[in-house]
Amino acid sequence: MRRGKRGYSSKPMSKQILRDSLAVRRILDVNLSELKDDVIAINRVTKVVKGGKNLSFSALVVVGDSRGHAGFGMGKAREVPMAIKKGIEQAKKNLIKLNMKGTTIPHQVLGRYGSAQVLLKPASEGTGVIAGGPVRKVMQVAGITNVLTKSLGTSNPHNVVKATFAALLSLKDVAQVAETRSKTVDEISGRQPKEQKAAVSEAS
């Protein structure tokens, strides 16, 4: 696999791949009344037209139920509350189910989108969310309470959020890895079946 400029072997997730991944309408067991939303960034947009300038606002919003479901969206309107409302509706359509291991993530992963890179590492109980800015808000709404993160590259909140979701979409649980490698869950996790343990104890 071709290495990038920073030496990482993983290729950055393209805009089309991320858009297609989020466009899949998944049947999720989510109670919409339990969803929490958080505004990450609000930008003022000015469009110059023949008659003058049209002022509008764009809002970047994340939503989640703190139980492993999260999504993000962007809304644009003439007023800030309407822009936030549109962003929340868009985020609800982009909800995804995350592969979690208790209150943390199952393995280390690097998400890349454009010039933004977000590194996520699992952490032990009691560590908390070691993150800042947009990454912290995504972790909070998703329900990941113990994780180590590092944001590399650009600090543009839009690209950072998309890189974070690119990393979360890349998370795999033990069952998926075992199926891909044609092995059992015990072989992947390094645990011996009870029959093998009994045979080893009898032999000794």
N, C-alpha and C. Protein backbone atom coordinates (compact mmCIF):
# COMPACT_ATOMS: atom_id res chain seq x y z
N MET A 1 0.85 -1.20 0.00
CA MET A 1 0.00 0.00 0.00
C MET A 1 0.88 1.25 0.00
N ARG A 2 0.54 2.23 -0.79
CA ARG A 2 1.33 3.44 -0.94
C ARG A 2 1.28 4.27 0.33
N ARG A 3 2.47 4.75 0.76
CA ARG A 3 2.56 5.55 1.97
C ARG A 3 2.27 7.02 1.66
N GLY A 4 1.73 7.72 2.63
CA GLY A 4 1.42 9.12 2.45
C GLY A 4 2.60 10.00 2.81
N LYS A 5 2.37 11.31 2.82
CA LYS A 5 3.44 12.26 3.09
C LYS A 5 3.94 12.13 4.53
N ARG A 6 3.06 11.77 5.46
CA ARG A 6 3.46 11.66 6.85
C ARG A 6 3.94 10.27 7.21
N GLY A 7 3.98 9.35 6.25
CA GLY A 7 4.48 8.03 6.53
C GLY A 7 3.43 7.03 6.94
N TYR A 8 2.15 7.43 7.01
CA TYR A 8 1.10 6.51 7.38
C TYR A 8 0.74 5.65 6.16
N SER A 9 0.53 4.38 6.41
CA SER A 9 0.23 3.48 5.32
C SER A 9 -1.24 3.51 4.92
N SER A 10 -2.11 4.00 5.82
CA SER A 10 -3.54 4.04 5.53
C SER A 10 -3.85 5.25 4.65
N LYS A 11 -4.68 5.02 3.63
CA LYS A 11 -5.04 6.10 2.73
C LYS A 11 -6.14 6.95 3.36
N PRO A 12 -6.14 8.27 3.09
CA PRO A 12 -7.21 9.10 3.63
C PRO A 12 -8.55 8.73 3.02
N MET A 13 -9.60 8.80 3.83
CA MET A 13 -10.94 8.49 3.34
C MET A 13 -11.41 9.63 2.44
N SER A 14 -11.77 9.30 1.23
CA SER A 14 -12.19 10.33 0.30
C SER A 14 -13.57 10.85 0.68
N LYS A 15 -13.90 12.01 0.13
CA LYS A 15 -15.20 12.62 0.43
C LYS A 15 -16.33 11.73 -0.05
N GLN A 16 -16.16 11.09 -1.21
CA GLN A 16 -17.23 10.27 -1.76
C GLN A 16 -17.45 9.02 -0.91
N ILE A 17 -16.36 8.40 -0.43
CA ILE A 17 -16.49 7.19 0.39
C ILE A 17 -17.20 7.52 1.70
N LEU A 18 -16.80 8.62 2.35
CA LEU A 18 -17.46 9.00 3.60
C LEU A 18 -18.91 9.35 3.37
N ARG A 19 -19.19 10.06 2.26
CA ARG A 19 -20.57 10.43 1.96
C ARG A 19 -21.42 9.19 1.69
N ASP A 20 -20.87 8.22 0.98
CA ASP A 20 -21.60 6.99 0.70
C ASP A 20 -21.82 6.17 1.97
N SER A 21 -20.83 6.17 2.86
CA SER A 21 -20.96 5.42 4.12
C SER A 21 -22.06 5.99 4.99
N LEU A 22 -22.17 7.31 5.02
CA LEU A 22 -23.20 7.94 5.84
C LEU A 22 -24.56 7.94 5.15
N ALA A 23 -24.57 7.79 3.82
CA ALA A 23 -25.83 7.84 3.08
C ALA A 23 -26.62 6.55 3.22
N VAL A 24 -25.99 5.48 3.70
CA VAL A 24 -26.70 4.21 3.86
C VAL A 24 -27.72 4.36 4.99
N ARG A 25 -28.98 4.15 4.66
CA ARG A 25 -30.04 4.29 5.67
C ARG A 25 -30.12 3.02 6.49
N ARG A 26 -29.59 3.07 7.71
CA ARG A 26 -29.55 1.90 8.57
C ARG A 26 -30.75 1.88 9.49
N ILE A 27 -31.27 0.69 9.76
CA ILE A 27 -32.36 0.54 10.71
C ILE A 27 -31.75 0.44 12.10
N LEU A 28 -31.81 1.53 12.85
CA LEU A 28 -31.19 1.59 14.17
C LEU A 28 -32.26 1.63 15.25
N ASP A 29 -31.96 0.95 16.35
CA ASP A 29 -32.86 0.96 17.49
C ASP A 29 -32.53 2.17 18.36
N VAL A 30 -33.00 3.33 17.93
CA VAL A 30 -32.69 4.58 18.60
C VAL A 30 -33.98 5.29 18.98
N ASN A 31 -34.05 5.72 20.23
CA ASN A 31 -35.18 6.51 20.70
C ASN A 31 -34.87 7.98 20.43
N LEU A 32 -35.60 8.58 19.50
CA LEU A 32 -35.30 9.96 19.10
C LEU A 32 -35.43 10.94 20.26
N SER A 33 -36.26 10.61 21.25
CA SER A 33 -36.41 11.50 22.41
C SER A 33 -35.18 11.52 23.30
N GLU A 34 -34.32 10.49 23.18
CA GLU A 34 -33.12 10.41 24.01
C GLU A 34 -31.90 11.04 23.35
N LEU A 35 -32.05 11.49 22.11
CA LEU A 35 -30.92 12.07 21.40
C LEU A 35 -30.54 13.43 21.98
N LYS A 36 -29.24 13.61 22.17
CA LYS A 36 -28.71 14.89 22.63
C LYS A 36 -27.94 15.53 21.49
N ASP A 37 -28.05 16.85 21.40
CA ASP A 37 -27.35 17.56 20.33
C ASP A 37 -26.38 18.56 20.92
N ASP A 38 -25.34 18.85 20.16
CA ASP A 38 -24.33 19.81 20.58
C ASP A 38 -23.83 20.57 19.36
N VAL A 39 -23.76 21.87 19.47
CA VAL A 39 -23.31 22.71 18.36
C VAL A 39 -21.79 22.82 18.41
N ILE A 40 -21.13 22.50 17.31
CA ILE A 40 -19.67 22.56 17.26
C ILE A 40 -19.19 23.90 16.74
N ALA A 41 -19.79 24.39 15.68
CA ALA A 41 -19.34 25.65 15.09
C ALA A 41 -20.49 26.34 14.38
N ILE A 42 -20.48 27.67 14.44
CA ILE A 42 -21.45 28.50 13.71
C ILE A 42 -20.67 29.53 12.90
N ASN A 43 -20.89 29.53 11.61
CA ASN A 43 -20.19 30.46 10.72
C ASN A 43 -21.17 31.42 10.06
N ARG A 44 -20.72 32.64 9.91
CA ARG A 44 -21.53 33.63 9.18
C ARG A 44 -21.10 33.62 7.72
N VAL A 45 -22.06 33.45 6.84
CA VAL A 45 -21.79 33.35 5.40
C VAL A 45 -22.41 34.55 4.71
N THR A 46 -21.61 35.22 3.92
CA THR A 46 -22.09 36.39 3.17
C THR A 46 -22.00 36.10 1.68
N LYS A 47 -23.12 36.20 1.01
CA LYS A 47 -23.15 36.00 -0.44
C LYS A 47 -23.38 37.34 -1.12
N VAL A 48 -22.43 37.71 -1.99
CA VAL A 48 -22.51 38.99 -2.70
C VAL A 48 -23.33 38.80 -3.98
N VAL A 49 -24.41 39.54 -4.09
CA VAL A 49 -25.28 39.48 -5.27
C VAL A 49 -25.36 40.87 -5.90
N LYS A 50 -26.12 40.95 -6.97
CA LYS A 50 -26.19 42.21 -7.71
C LYS A 50 -26.80 43.32 -6.86
N GLY A 51 -27.77 42.96 -6.03
CA GLY A 51 -28.44 43.99 -5.22
C GLY A 51 -27.76 44.29 -3.90
N GLY A 52 -26.66 43.59 -3.57
CA GLY A 52 -25.98 43.83 -2.30
C GLY A 52 -25.43 42.53 -1.73
N LYS A 53 -25.58 42.35 -0.41
CA LYS A 53 -25.06 41.16 0.27
C LYS A 53 -26.18 40.45 1.00
N ASN A 54 -26.21 39.12 0.86
CA ASN A 54 -27.17 38.30 1.59
C ASN A 54 -26.43 37.60 2.74
N LEU A 55 -26.90 37.84 3.96
CA LEU A 55 -26.26 37.29 5.15
C LEU A 55 -27.00 36.04 5.60
N SER A 56 -26.27 34.96 5.86
CA SER A 56 -26.85 33.73 6.38
C SER A 56 -25.87 33.08 7.33
N PHE A 57 -26.32 32.04 8.02
CA PHE A 57 -25.50 31.35 9.01
C PHE A 57 -25.49 29.85 8.71
N SER A 58 -24.34 29.23 8.94
CA SER A 58 -24.24 27.77 8.82
C SER A 58 -23.82 27.21 10.17
N ALA A 59 -24.43 26.09 10.55
CA ALA A 59 -24.18 25.48 11.86
C ALA A 59 -23.77 24.03 11.67
N LEU A 60 -22.70 23.63 12.36
CA LEU A 60 -22.24 22.25 12.38
C LEU A 60 -22.66 21.62 13.70
N VAL A 61 -23.46 20.55 13.63
CA VAL A 61 -24.08 19.96 14.82
C VAL A 61 -23.80 18.46 14.86
N VAL A 62 -23.63 17.94 16.09
CA VAL A 62 -23.52 16.48 16.30
C VAL A 62 -24.64 16.05 17.24
N VAL A 63 -25.17 14.86 17.02
CA VAL A 63 -26.21 14.31 17.88
C VAL A 63 -25.82 12.88 18.26
N GLY A 64 -26.36 12.41 19.37
CA GLY A 64 -26.10 11.04 19.82
C GLY A 64 -26.96 10.72 21.02
N ASP A 65 -27.05 9.42 21.33
CA ASP A 65 -27.87 8.98 22.46
C ASP A 65 -27.02 8.49 23.63
N SER A 66 -25.69 8.71 23.56
CA SER A 66 -24.76 8.29 24.62
C SER A 66 -24.75 6.78 24.80
N ARG A 67 -25.21 6.04 23.80
CA ARG A 67 -25.24 4.58 23.86
C ARG A 67 -24.64 3.94 22.62
N GLY A 68 -23.73 4.66 21.98
CA GLY A 68 -23.06 4.10 20.82
C GLY A 68 -23.63 4.52 19.49
N HIS A 69 -24.54 5.49 19.48
CA HIS A 69 -25.09 6.02 18.22
C HIS A 69 -24.72 7.51 18.13
N ALA A 70 -24.24 7.92 16.96
CA ALA A 70 -23.85 9.31 16.77
C ALA A 70 -23.97 9.68 15.30
N GLY A 71 -24.10 10.97 15.05
CA GLY A 71 -24.18 11.48 13.69
C GLY A 71 -23.89 12.97 13.68
N PHE A 72 -23.56 13.50 12.51
CA PHE A 72 -23.30 14.93 12.38
C PHE A 72 -24.02 15.47 11.16
N GLY A 73 -24.27 16.76 11.18
CA GLY A 73 -24.94 17.39 10.06
C GLY A 73 -24.67 18.88 10.04
N MET A 74 -24.96 19.50 8.91
CA MET A 74 -24.75 20.94 8.76
C MET A 74 -26.02 21.56 8.19
N GLY A 75 -26.42 22.67 8.77
CA GLY A 75 -27.60 23.40 8.30
C GLY A 75 -27.27 24.85 8.01
N LYS A 76 -27.98 25.40 7.06
CA LYS A 76 -27.74 26.79 6.69
C LYS A 76 -29.09 27.50 6.59
N ALA A 77 -29.16 28.71 7.18
CA ALA A 77 -30.40 29.47 7.15
C ALA A 77 -30.09 30.94 7.44
N ARG A 78 -31.13 31.76 7.33
CA ARG A 78 -30.96 33.19 7.58
C ARG A 78 -30.81 33.48 9.07
N GLU A 79 -31.37 32.62 9.93
CA GLU A 79 -31.30 32.81 11.37
C GLU A 79 -30.54 31.64 11.99
N VAL A 80 -29.84 31.92 13.11
CA VAL A 80 -29.04 30.89 13.78
C VAL A 80 -29.89 29.73 14.28
N PRO A 81 -31.03 29.98 14.99
CA PRO A 81 -31.83 28.83 15.47
C PRO A 81 -32.31 27.91 14.36
N MET A 82 -32.69 28.49 13.22
CA MET A 82 -33.16 27.67 12.10
C MET A 82 -32.01 26.87 11.50
N ALA A 83 -30.81 27.47 11.45
CA ALA A 83 -29.64 26.74 10.94
C ALA A 83 -29.31 25.55 11.85
N ILE A 84 -29.39 25.75 13.16
CA ILE A 84 -29.13 24.66 14.11
C ILE A 84 -30.18 23.56 13.96
N LYS A 85 -31.44 23.95 13.79
CA LYS A 85 -32.51 22.98 13.64
C LYS A 85 -32.30 22.14 12.38
N LYS A 86 -31.92 22.78 11.28
CA LYS A 86 -31.66 22.04 10.05
C LYS A 86 -30.46 21.09 10.22
N GLY A 87 -29.44 21.56 10.94
CA GLY A 87 -28.28 20.71 11.20
C GLY A 87 -28.63 19.48 12.02
N ILE A 88 -29.51 19.64 13.01
CA ILE A 88 -29.94 18.52 13.84
C ILE A 88 -30.71 17.50 13.01
N GLU A 89 -31.61 17.99 12.15
CA GLU A 89 -32.37 17.07 11.29
C GLU A 89 -31.45 16.29 10.35
N GLN A 90 -30.44 16.98 9.81
CA GLN A 90 -29.49 16.31 8.93
C GLN A 90 -28.66 15.28 9.71
N ALA A 91 -28.27 15.63 10.94
CA ALA A 91 -27.47 14.72 11.76
C ALA A 91 -28.25 13.46 12.11
N LYS A 92 -29.56 13.59 12.35
CA LYS A 92 -30.38 12.41 12.66
C LYS A 92 -30.43 11.44 11.49
N LYS A 93 -30.35 11.96 10.26
CA LYS A 93 -30.35 11.10 9.08
C LYS A 93 -29.01 10.39 8.91
N ASN A 94 -27.94 10.94 9.50
CA ASN A 94 -26.60 10.38 9.36
C ASN A 94 -26.18 9.54 10.57
N LEU A 95 -27.13 9.13 11.41
CA LEU A 95 -26.78 8.35 12.60
C LEU A 95 -26.13 7.02 12.22
N ILE A 96 -25.08 6.65 12.95
CA ILE A 96 -24.40 5.38 12.73
C ILE A 96 -24.26 4.66 14.07
N LYS A 97 -24.14 3.35 13.99
CA LYS A 97 -23.92 2.51 15.17
C LYS A 97 -22.42 2.26 15.30
N LEU A 98 -21.85 2.58 16.47
CA LEU A 98 -20.42 2.45 16.68
C LEU A 98 -20.10 1.12 17.35
N ASN A 99 -18.97 0.55 16.97
CA ASN A 99 -18.47 -0.65 17.63
C ASN A 99 -17.67 -0.24 18.86
N MET A 100 -18.24 -0.44 20.03
CA MET A 100 -17.61 -0.04 21.28
C MET A 100 -17.27 -1.27 22.12
N LYS A 101 -16.36 -1.08 23.05
CA LYS A 101 -15.98 -2.12 24.01
C LYS A 101 -16.16 -1.53 25.40
N GLY A 102 -17.36 -1.71 25.94
CA GLY A 102 -17.68 -1.08 27.21
C GLY A 102 -17.85 0.41 27.05
N THR A 103 -17.00 1.17 27.74
CA THR A 103 -17.06 2.64 27.66
C THR A 103 -15.93 3.20 26.80
N THR A 104 -15.20 2.34 26.09
CA THR A 104 -14.11 2.80 25.25
C THR A 104 -14.25 2.15 23.87
N ILE A 105 -13.20 2.28 23.05
CA ILE A 105 -13.21 1.70 21.71
C ILE A 105 -12.39 0.41 21.71
N PRO A 106 -12.65 -0.51 20.79
CA PRO A 106 -11.97 -1.81 20.84
C PRO A 106 -10.49 -1.78 20.45
N HIS A 107 -10.07 -0.83 19.62
CA HIS A 107 -8.68 -0.82 19.19
C HIS A 107 -8.30 0.58 18.71
N GLN A 108 -7.01 0.79 18.51
CA GLN A 108 -6.51 2.07 18.02
C GLN A 108 -6.85 2.24 16.55
N VAL A 109 -7.18 3.47 16.17
CA VAL A 109 -7.56 3.72 14.78
C VAL A 109 -7.19 5.16 14.43
N LEU A 110 -6.84 5.36 13.16
CA LEU A 110 -6.49 6.68 12.64
C LEU A 110 -7.47 7.05 11.55
N GLY A 111 -8.21 8.14 11.75
CA GLY A 111 -9.15 8.62 10.76
C GLY A 111 -8.57 9.80 10.00
N ARG A 112 -8.73 9.79 8.69
CA ARG A 112 -8.18 10.86 7.85
C ARG A 112 -9.26 11.37 6.91
N TYR A 113 -9.34 12.68 6.82
CA TYR A 113 -10.26 13.32 5.88
C TYR A 113 -9.63 14.62 5.43
N GLY A 114 -9.30 14.69 4.16
CA GLY A 114 -8.61 15.88 3.67
C GLY A 114 -7.25 16.01 4.36
N SER A 115 -6.98 17.17 4.93
CA SER A 115 -5.72 17.40 5.65
C SER A 115 -5.88 17.20 7.15
N ALA A 116 -7.03 16.70 7.59
CA ALA A 116 -7.26 16.45 9.01
C ALA A 116 -7.02 14.98 9.33
N GLN A 117 -6.38 14.72 10.47
CA GLN A 117 -6.14 13.37 10.94
C GLN A 117 -6.49 13.31 12.42
N VAL A 118 -7.22 12.28 12.81
CA VAL A 118 -7.63 12.11 14.21
C VAL A 118 -7.23 10.71 14.64
N LEU A 119 -6.42 10.63 15.69
CA LEU A 119 -5.97 9.36 16.23
C LEU A 119 -6.77 9.05 17.50
N LEU A 120 -7.38 7.86 17.54
CA LEU A 120 -8.16 7.43 18.70
C LEU A 120 -7.50 6.19 19.31
N LYS A 121 -7.34 6.20 20.64
CA LYS A 121 -6.75 5.07 21.35
C LYS A 121 -7.67 4.64 22.49
N PRO A 122 -7.84 3.35 22.70
CA PRO A 122 -8.64 2.90 23.86
C PRO A 122 -7.94 3.24 25.16
N ALA A 123 -8.74 3.44 26.20
CA ALA A 123 -8.21 3.81 27.52
C ALA A 123 -8.92 3.00 28.59
N SER A 124 -8.26 2.85 29.74
CA SER A 124 -8.82 2.08 30.85
C SER A 124 -9.90 2.89 31.56
N GLU A 125 -10.68 2.20 32.38
CA GLU A 125 -11.78 2.84 33.11
C GLU A 125 -11.24 3.92 34.04
N GLY A 126 -11.88 5.08 34.02
CA GLY A 126 -11.48 6.19 34.87
C GLY A 126 -10.57 7.19 34.19
N THR A 127 -10.15 6.91 32.96
CA THR A 127 -9.26 7.83 32.25
C THR A 127 -9.99 9.10 31.84
N GLY A 128 -11.22 8.94 31.37
CA GLY A 128 -12.00 10.07 30.89
C GLY A 128 -11.76 10.31 29.41
N VAL A 129 -12.32 11.39 28.91
CA VAL A 129 -12.17 11.76 27.50
C VAL A 129 -11.02 12.75 27.38
N ILE A 130 -9.88 12.27 26.91
CA ILE A 130 -8.72 13.13 26.71
C ILE A 130 -8.79 13.65 25.27
N ALA A 131 -9.51 14.72 25.09
CA ALA A 131 -9.71 15.29 23.76
C ALA A 131 -10.12 16.75 23.92
N GLY A 132 -10.07 17.46 22.85
CA GLY A 132 -10.45 18.86 22.88
C GLY A 132 -11.24 19.24 21.64
N GLY A 133 -12.03 20.29 21.77
CA GLY A 133 -12.74 20.82 20.63
C GLY A 133 -13.78 19.88 20.07
N PRO A 134 -13.85 19.78 18.73
CA PRO A 134 -14.89 18.95 18.09
C PRO A 134 -14.83 17.48 18.46
N VAL A 135 -13.62 16.92 18.65
CA VAL A 135 -13.49 15.49 18.95
C VAL A 135 -14.15 15.17 20.30
N ARG A 136 -13.96 16.04 21.28
CA ARG A 136 -14.57 15.81 22.60
C ARG A 136 -16.08 15.78 22.51
N LYS A 137 -16.67 16.68 21.75
CA LYS A 137 -18.13 16.73 21.65
C LYS A 137 -18.68 15.48 20.95
N VAL A 138 -17.94 14.98 19.95
CA VAL A 138 -18.38 13.75 19.29
C VAL A 138 -18.33 12.58 20.26
N MET A 139 -17.26 12.48 21.05
CA MET A 139 -17.14 11.39 22.02
C MET A 139 -18.24 11.47 23.08
N GLN A 140 -18.57 12.67 23.51
CA GLN A 140 -19.58 12.83 24.56
C GLN A 140 -20.96 12.41 24.09
N VAL A 141 -21.37 12.81 22.90
CA VAL A 141 -22.71 12.44 22.42
C VAL A 141 -22.77 10.97 22.05
N ALA A 142 -21.61 10.36 21.70
CA ALA A 142 -21.59 8.95 21.34
C ALA A 142 -21.60 8.04 22.56
N GLY A 143 -21.21 8.57 23.73
CA GLY A 143 -21.18 7.76 24.94
C GLY A 143 -19.84 7.11 25.19
N ILE A 144 -18.78 7.53 24.51
CA ILE A 144 -17.43 7.02 24.75
C ILE A 144 -16.81 7.87 25.86
N THR A 145 -16.68 7.30 27.05
CA THR A 145 -16.26 8.06 28.22
C THR A 145 -14.80 7.85 28.59
N ASN A 146 -14.13 6.89 27.97
CA ASN A 146 -12.71 6.64 28.25
C ASN A 146 -11.98 6.44 26.93
N VAL A 147 -11.24 7.45 26.51
CA VAL A 147 -10.54 7.39 25.23
C VAL A 147 -9.42 8.43 25.21
N LEU A 148 -8.35 8.10 24.50
CA LEU A 148 -7.25 9.03 24.27
C LEU A 148 -7.28 9.44 22.80
N THR A 149 -7.19 10.73 22.54
CA THR A 149 -7.28 11.21 21.16
C THR A 149 -6.16 12.21 20.89
N LYS A 150 -5.86 12.36 19.62
CA LYS A 150 -4.89 13.35 19.17
C LYS A 150 -5.31 13.85 17.81
N SER A 151 -5.49 15.15 17.69
CA SER A 151 -5.87 15.76 16.41
C SER A 151 -4.62 16.26 15.70
N LEU A 152 -4.41 15.76 14.48
CA LEU A 152 -3.23 16.12 13.69
C LEU A 152 -3.67 16.88 12.45
N GLY A 153 -2.79 17.74 11.97
CA GLY A 153 -3.11 18.46 10.74
C GLY A 153 -3.96 19.68 11.00
N THR A 154 -4.92 19.93 10.12
CA THR A 154 -5.73 21.14 10.19
C THR A 154 -6.64 21.13 11.41
N SER A 155 -7.01 22.33 11.85
CA SER A 155 -7.94 22.47 12.96
C SER A 155 -9.33 22.89 12.49
N ASN A 156 -9.57 22.82 11.18
CA ASN A 156 -10.90 23.15 10.64
C ASN A 156 -11.93 22.20 11.26
N PRO A 157 -12.93 22.73 11.98
CA PRO A 157 -13.87 21.84 12.69
C PRO A 157 -14.63 20.89 11.78
N HIS A 158 -14.95 21.31 10.55
CA HIS A 158 -15.67 20.44 9.63
C HIS A 158 -14.83 19.22 9.26
N ASN A 159 -13.56 19.45 8.90
CA ASN A 159 -12.70 18.34 8.53
C ASN A 159 -12.35 17.47 9.73
N VAL A 160 -12.20 18.08 10.91
CA VAL A 160 -11.88 17.31 12.12
C VAL A 160 -13.04 16.37 12.47
N VAL A 161 -14.26 16.87 12.39
CA VAL A 161 -15.43 16.03 12.69
C VAL A 161 -15.54 14.89 11.68
N LYS A 162 -15.33 15.18 10.42
CA LYS A 162 -15.42 14.13 9.39
C LYS A 162 -14.30 13.11 9.55
N ALA A 163 -13.10 13.56 9.95
CA ALA A 163 -12.01 12.62 10.21
C ALA A 163 -12.33 11.75 11.42
N THR A 164 -12.98 12.34 12.43
CA THR A 164 -13.38 11.57 13.61
C THR A 164 -14.38 10.49 13.25
N PHE A 165 -15.37 10.82 12.43
CA PHE A 165 -16.36 9.83 12.02
C PHE A 165 -15.74 8.81 11.06
N ALA A 166 -14.75 9.22 10.27
CA ALA A 166 -14.04 8.25 9.42
C ALA A 166 -13.33 7.22 10.29
N ALA A 167 -12.77 7.67 11.43
CA ALA A 167 -12.12 6.74 12.36
C ALA A 167 -13.15 5.84 13.03
N LEU A 168 -14.28 6.41 13.46
CA LEU A 168 -15.31 5.62 14.13
C LEU A 168 -15.93 4.59 13.19
N LEU A 169 -16.05 4.93 11.91
CA LEU A 169 -16.59 3.98 10.93
C LEU A 169 -15.62 2.83 10.67
N SER A 170 -14.33 3.04 10.97
CA SER A 170 -13.32 2.01 10.73
C SER A 170 -13.18 1.04 11.90
N LEU A 171 -13.86 1.30 13.01
CA LEU A 171 -13.76 0.42 14.18
C LEU A 171 -14.42 -0.93 13.88
N LYS A 172 -13.76 -1.99 14.30
CA LYS A 172 -14.28 -3.34 14.11
C LYS A 172 -14.27 -4.08 15.45
N ASP A 173 -15.28 -4.91 15.67
CA ASP A 173 -15.29 -5.72 16.88
C ASP A 173 -14.59 -7.05 16.62
N VAL A 174 -14.46 -7.85 17.68
CA VAL A 174 -13.72 -9.11 17.58
C VAL A 174 -14.39 -10.07 16.59
N ALA A 175 -15.73 -10.09 16.58
CA ALA A 175 -16.45 -11.01 15.70
C ALA A 175 -16.17 -10.70 14.23
N GLN A 176 -16.13 -9.42 13.87
CA GLN A 176 -15.86 -9.04 12.49
C GLN A 176 -14.45 -9.41 12.07
N VAL A 177 -13.47 -9.19 12.96
CA VAL A 177 -12.08 -9.55 12.64
C VAL A 177 -11.94 -11.05 12.51
N ALA A 178 -12.60 -11.81 13.40
CA ALA A 178 -12.52 -13.27 13.34
C ALA A 178 -13.13 -13.79 12.04
N GLU A 179 -14.25 -13.20 11.61
CA GLU A 179 -14.89 -13.63 10.37
C GLU A 179 -14.02 -13.32 9.16
N THR A 180 -13.36 -12.15 9.18
CA THR A 180 -12.50 -11.77 8.07
C THR A 180 -11.29 -12.70 7.96
N ARG A 181 -10.76 -13.11 9.10
CA ARG A 181 -9.56 -13.95 9.11
C ARG A 181 -9.88 -15.44 9.19
N SER A 182 -11.16 -15.79 9.11
CA SER A 182 -11.61 -17.19 9.13
C SER A 182 -11.12 -17.90 10.39
N LYS A 183 -11.24 -17.23 11.52
CA LYS A 183 -10.86 -17.81 12.80
C LYS A 183 -12.00 -17.63 13.79
N THR A 184 -11.86 -18.28 14.94
CA THR A 184 -12.86 -18.13 15.99
C THR A 184 -12.52 -16.92 16.86
N VAL A 185 -13.51 -16.50 17.64
CA VAL A 185 -13.30 -15.35 18.53
C VAL A 185 -12.24 -15.68 19.58
N ASP A 186 -12.22 -16.92 20.08
CA ASP A 186 -11.23 -17.31 21.08
C ASP A 186 -9.82 -17.27 20.51
N GLU A 187 -9.66 -17.65 19.25
CA GLU A 187 -8.33 -17.62 18.63
C GLU A 187 -7.85 -16.19 18.45
N ILE A 188 -8.76 -15.29 18.10
CA ILE A 188 -8.38 -13.89 17.90
C ILE A 188 -8.01 -13.25 19.23
N SER A 189 -8.79 -13.52 20.27
CA SER A 189 -8.58 -12.89 21.58
C SER A 189 -7.47 -13.57 22.38
N GLY A 190 -7.00 -14.73 21.90
CA GLY A 190 -5.92 -15.41 22.60
C GLY A 190 -6.38 -16.29 23.73
N ARG A 191 -7.68 -16.50 23.86
CA ARG A 191 -8.21 -17.37 24.92
C ARG A 191 -8.30 -18.80 24.41
N GLN A 192 -7.98 -19.74 25.26
CA GLN A 192 -8.08 -21.14 24.91
C GLN A 192 -9.46 -21.66 25.26
N PRO A 193 -10.05 -22.49 24.41
CA PRO A 193 -11.33 -23.11 24.76
C PRO A 193 -11.21 -23.95 26.02
N LYS A 194 -12.34 -24.21 26.68
CA LYS A 194 -12.34 -24.97 27.92
C LYS A 194 -11.78 -26.38 27.71
N GLU A 195 -12.07 -26.99 26.54
CA GLU A 195 -11.58 -28.34 26.29
C GLU A 195 -10.06 -28.38 26.25
N GLN A 196 -9.44 -27.37 25.60
CA GLN A 196 -7.99 -27.32 25.53
C GLN A 196 -7.38 -27.07 26.90
N LYS A 197 -8.02 -26.19 27.68
CA LYS A 197 -7.51 -25.94 29.02
C LYS A 197 -7.55 -27.20 29.87
N ALA A 198 -8.65 -27.96 29.75
CA ALA A 198 -8.76 -29.20 30.52
C ALA A 198 -7.71 -30.21 30.09
N ALA A 199 -7.45 -30.31 28.77
CA ALA A 199 -6.45 -31.24 28.27
C ALA A 199 -5.04 -30.87 28.74
N VAL A 200 -4.76 -29.55 28.76
CA VAL A 200 -3.44 -29.09 29.20
C VAL A 200 -3.25 -29.37 30.69
N SER A 201 -4.30 -29.14 31.48
CA SER A 201 -4.20 -29.39 32.92
C SER A 201 -4.05 -30.86 33.23
N GLU A 202 -4.72 -31.74 32.48
CA GLU A 202 -4.60 -33.17 32.68
C GLU A 202 -3.21 -33.68 32.28
N ALA A 203 -2.68 -33.09 31.20
CA ALA A 203 -1.35 -33.52 30.75
C ALA A 203 -0.27 -33.12 31.74
N SER A 204 -0.47 -32.00 32.40
CA SER A 204 0.52 -31.55 33.37
C SER A 204 0.37 -32.29 34.70
